[in-house]
Amino acid sequence: MVTCYLKYVIDQYKLEEFEKYAKLWIPLVNKFGGIHNGYFLPSEGANNIALALFTFPSLAEYECYRNDSFTDADCIAAFKYAEETKCILSYERSFFKPVFE
């Protein structure tokens, strides 16, 4: 199991646009076999940082999702929305494996 952690630097004046973008991706990750653990928007503290977490059974399955997302019409539309609205200034992606009892 692997969890993808995304840290976004967003335009603080385009929070509504970013929230719409986030809502586009949640069902898409699930469609490709992942489990979306949610987006986390700014509340207290920094007003331009947002996070997302989603989990796949393996890094290989994540890679399949990533490759397939570049040819899926709904994913392409979500990428295009972010590009057109310029709600995302930058992002970084990291991967973690969970530890349970």
C-alpha atoms as a PDB file:
ATOM      1  CA  MET A   1       0.000   0.000   0.000  1.00  0.00           C
ATOM      2  CA  VAL A   2       1.284   3.478  -0.868  1.00  0.00           C
ATOM      3  CA  THR A   3      -0.174   6.891  -0.069  1.00  0.00           C
ATOM      4  CA  CYS A   4       0.507   9.857  -2.296  1.00  0.00           C
ATOM      5  CA  TYR A   5       0.874  13.147  -0.427  1.00  0.00           C
ATOM      6  CA  LEU A   6       0.453  16.285  -2.517  1.00  0.00           C
ATOM      7  CA  LYS A   7       1.326  19.704  -1.157  1.00  0.00           C
ATOM      8  CA  TYR A   8      -0.028  22.520  -3.296  1.00  0.00           C
ATOM      9  CA  VAL A   9       0.873  26.182  -3.294  1.00  0.00           C
ATOM     10  CA  ILE A  10      -2.322  27.790  -4.494  1.00  0.00           C
ATOM     11  CA  ASP A  11      -3.414  31.287  -5.417  1.00  0.00           C
ATOM     12  CA  GLN A  12      -5.114  32.486  -2.240  1.00  0.00           C
ATOM     13  CA  TYR A  13      -7.588  34.489  -4.327  1.00  0.00           C
ATOM     14  CA  LYS A  14      -8.651  31.395  -6.288  1.00  0.00           C
ATOM     15  CA  LEU A  15      -9.658  29.131  -3.427  1.00  0.00           C
ATOM     16  CA  GLU A  16     -13.095  28.449  -4.976  1.00  0.00           C
ATOM     17  CA  GLU A  17     -11.442  27.406  -8.235  1.00  0.00           C
ATOM     18  CA  PHE A  18      -9.045  25.108  -6.418  1.00  0.00           C
ATOM     19  CA  GLU A  19     -11.894  23.539  -4.446  1.00  0.00           C
ATOM     20  CA  LYS A  20     -13.709  22.813  -7.720  1.00  0.00           C
ATOM     21  CA  TYR A  21     -10.496  21.253  -9.081  1.00  0.00           C
ATOM     22  CA  ALA A  22     -10.209  19.093  -5.951  1.00  0.00           C
ATOM     23  CA  LYS A  23     -13.782  17.873  -6.320  1.00  0.00           C
ATOM     24  CA  LEU A  24     -13.033  16.867  -9.916  1.00  0.00           C
ATOM     25  CA  TRP A  25     -10.151  14.604  -8.859  1.00  0.00           C
ATOM     26  CA  ILE A  26     -11.688  12.720  -5.944  1.00  0.00           C
ATOM     27  CA  PRO A  27     -13.926  10.486  -8.112  1.00  0.00           C
ATOM     28  CA  LEU A  28     -11.192  10.153 -10.737  1.00  0.00           C
ATOM     29  CA  VAL A  29      -8.700   8.649  -8.291  1.00  0.00           C
ATOM     30  CA  ASN A  30     -11.417   6.272  -7.105  1.00  0.00           C
ATOM     31  CA  LYS A  31     -12.300   5.406 -10.727  1.00  0.00           C
ATOM     32  CA  PHE A  32      -8.728   4.210 -11.299  1.00  0.00           C
ATOM     33  CA  GLY A  33      -8.644   1.958  -8.235  1.00  0.00           C
ATOM     34  CA  GLY A  34      -7.327   4.340  -5.616  1.00  0.00           C
ATOM     35  CA  ILE A  35      -8.912   5.520  -2.400  1.00  0.00           C
ATOM     36  CA  HIS A  36      -9.008   9.286  -2.090  1.00  0.00           C
ATOM     37  CA  ASN A  37      -8.464  10.386   1.494  1.00  0.00           C
ATOM     38  CA  GLY A  38      -9.507  13.960   0.763  1.00  0.00           C
ATOM     39  CA  TYR A  39      -8.236  17.417  -0.012  1.00  0.00           C
ATOM     40  CA  PHE A  40      -7.415  19.757   2.828  1.00  0.00           C
ATOM     41  CA  LEU A  41      -7.884  23.458   2.149  1.00  0.00           C
ATOM     42  CA  PRO A  42      -6.379  26.375   4.072  1.00  0.00           C
ATOM     43  CA  SER A  43      -8.105  27.234   7.324  1.00  0.00           C
ATOM     44  CA  GLU A  44      -5.819  28.661   9.997  1.00  0.00           C
ATOM     45  CA  GLY A  45      -2.203  29.479   9.299  1.00  0.00           C
ATOM     46  CA  ALA A  46      -0.907  29.698   5.741  1.00  0.00           C
ATOM     47  CA  ASN A  47      -3.629  30.784   3.324  1.00  0.00           C
ATOM     48  CA  ASN A  48      -1.950  29.422   0.209  1.00  0.00           C
ATOM     49  CA  ILE A  49      -1.192  25.786   1.114  1.00  0.00           C
ATOM     50  CA  ALA A  50      -3.530  22.877   0.362  1.00  0.00           C
ATOM     51  CA  LEU A  51      -2.952  19.150   0.730  1.00  0.00           C
ATOM     52  CA  ALA A  52      -4.303  15.965  -0.803  1.00  0.00           C
ATOM     53  CA  LEU A  53      -3.858  12.341   0.206  1.00  0.00           C
ATOM     54  CA  PHE A  54      -4.828   9.270  -1.767  1.00  0.00           C
ATOM     55  CA  THR A  55      -3.866   5.631  -1.524  1.00  0.00           C
ATOM     56  CA  PHE A  56      -3.238   2.844  -4.029  1.00  0.00           C
ATOM     57  CA  PRO A  57      -2.599  -0.831  -3.272  1.00  0.00           C
ATOM     58  CA  SER A  58       0.942  -0.503  -4.680  1.00  0.00           C
ATOM     59  CA  LEU A  59       3.294   1.956  -6.340  1.00  0.00           C
ATOM     60  CA  ALA A  60       2.866  -0.020  -9.575  1.00  0.00           C
ATOM     61  CA  GLU A  61      -0.904   0.544  -9.480  1.00  0.00           C
ATOM     62  CA  TYR A  62      -0.332   4.238  -8.800  1.00  0.00           C
ATOM     63  CA  GLU A  63       1.952   4.376 -11.854  1.00  0.00           C
ATOM     64  CA  CYS A  64      -0.776   2.761 -13.991  1.00  0.00           C
ATOM     65  CA  TYR A  65      -3.261   5.379 -12.761  1.00  0.00           C
ATOM     66  CA  ARG A  66      -0.774   8.158 -13.481  1.00  0.00           C
ATOM     67  CA  ASN A  67      -0.130   6.926 -17.025  1.00  0.00           C
ATOM     68  CA  ASP A  68      -3.822   6.311 -17.739  1.00  0.00           C
ATOM     69  CA  SER A  69      -4.761   9.781 -16.432  1.00  0.00           C
ATOM     70  CA  PHE A  70      -2.940  11.395 -19.362  1.00  0.00           C
ATOM     71  CA  THR A  71      -5.305   9.774 -21.862  1.00  0.00           C
ATOM     72  CA  ASP A  72      -8.592   9.810 -19.903  1.00  0.00           C
ATOM     73  CA  ALA A  73     -11.003  12.538 -21.080  1.00  0.00           C
ATOM     74  CA  ASP A  74     -12.175  13.455 -17.560  1.00  0.00           C
ATOM     75  CA  CYS A  75      -8.613  13.691 -16.243  1.00  0.00           C
ATOM     76  CA  ILE A  76      -7.552  15.798 -19.216  1.00  0.00           C
ATOM     77  CA  ALA A  77     -10.476  18.145 -18.507  1.00  0.00           C
ATOM     78  CA  ALA A  78      -9.391  18.469 -14.856  1.00  0.00           C
ATOM     79  CA  PHE A  79      -5.783  19.212 -15.865  1.00  0.00           C
ATOM     80  CA  LYS A  80      -7.061  21.813 -18.346  1.00  0.00           C
ATOM     81  CA  TYR A  81      -9.302  23.437 -15.715  1.00  0.00           C
ATOM     82  CA  ALA A  82      -6.342  23.963 -13.388  1.00  0.00           C
ATOM     83  CA  GLU A  83      -4.275  25.365 -16.235  1.00  0.00           C
ATOM     84  CA  GLU A  84      -7.003  27.765 -17.356  1.00  0.00           C
ATOM     85  CA  THR A  85      -7.830  29.041 -13.862  1.00  0.00           C
ATOM     86  CA  LYS A  86      -4.192  29.143 -12.709  1.00  0.00           C
ATOM     87  CA  CYS A  87      -5.377  28.198  -9.227  1.00  0.00           C
ATOM     88  CA  ILE A  88      -2.273  26.046  -8.624  1.00  0.00           C
ATOM     89  CA  LEU A  89       1.056  27.848  -8.489  1.00  0.00           C
ATOM     90  CA  SER A  90       3.156  24.757  -7.752  1.00  0.00           C
ATOM     91  CA  TYR A  91       2.989  21.370  -6.080  1.00  0.00           C
ATOM     92  CA  GLU A  92       5.210  18.648  -4.722  1.00  0.00           C
ATOM     93  CA  ARG A  93       4.446  14.955  -4.563  1.00  0.00           C
ATOM     94  CA  SER A  94       5.748  12.431  -2.023  1.00  0.00           C
ATOM     95  CA  PHE A  95       4.897   8.810  -1.293  1.00  0.00           C
ATOM     96  CA  PHE A  96       4.476   7.120   2.059  1.00  0.00           C
ATOM     97  CA  LYS A  97       3.654   3.645   3.281  1.00  0.00           C
ATOM     98  CA  PRO A  98       1.390   3.379   6.299  1.00  0.00           C
ATOM     99  CA  VAL A  99       2.288   1.720   9.556  1.00  0.00           C
ATOM    100  CA  PHE A 100      -0.480   0.081  11.553  1.00  0.00           C
ATOM    101  CA  GLU A 101      -0.541  -1.689  14.916  1.00  0.00           C
END
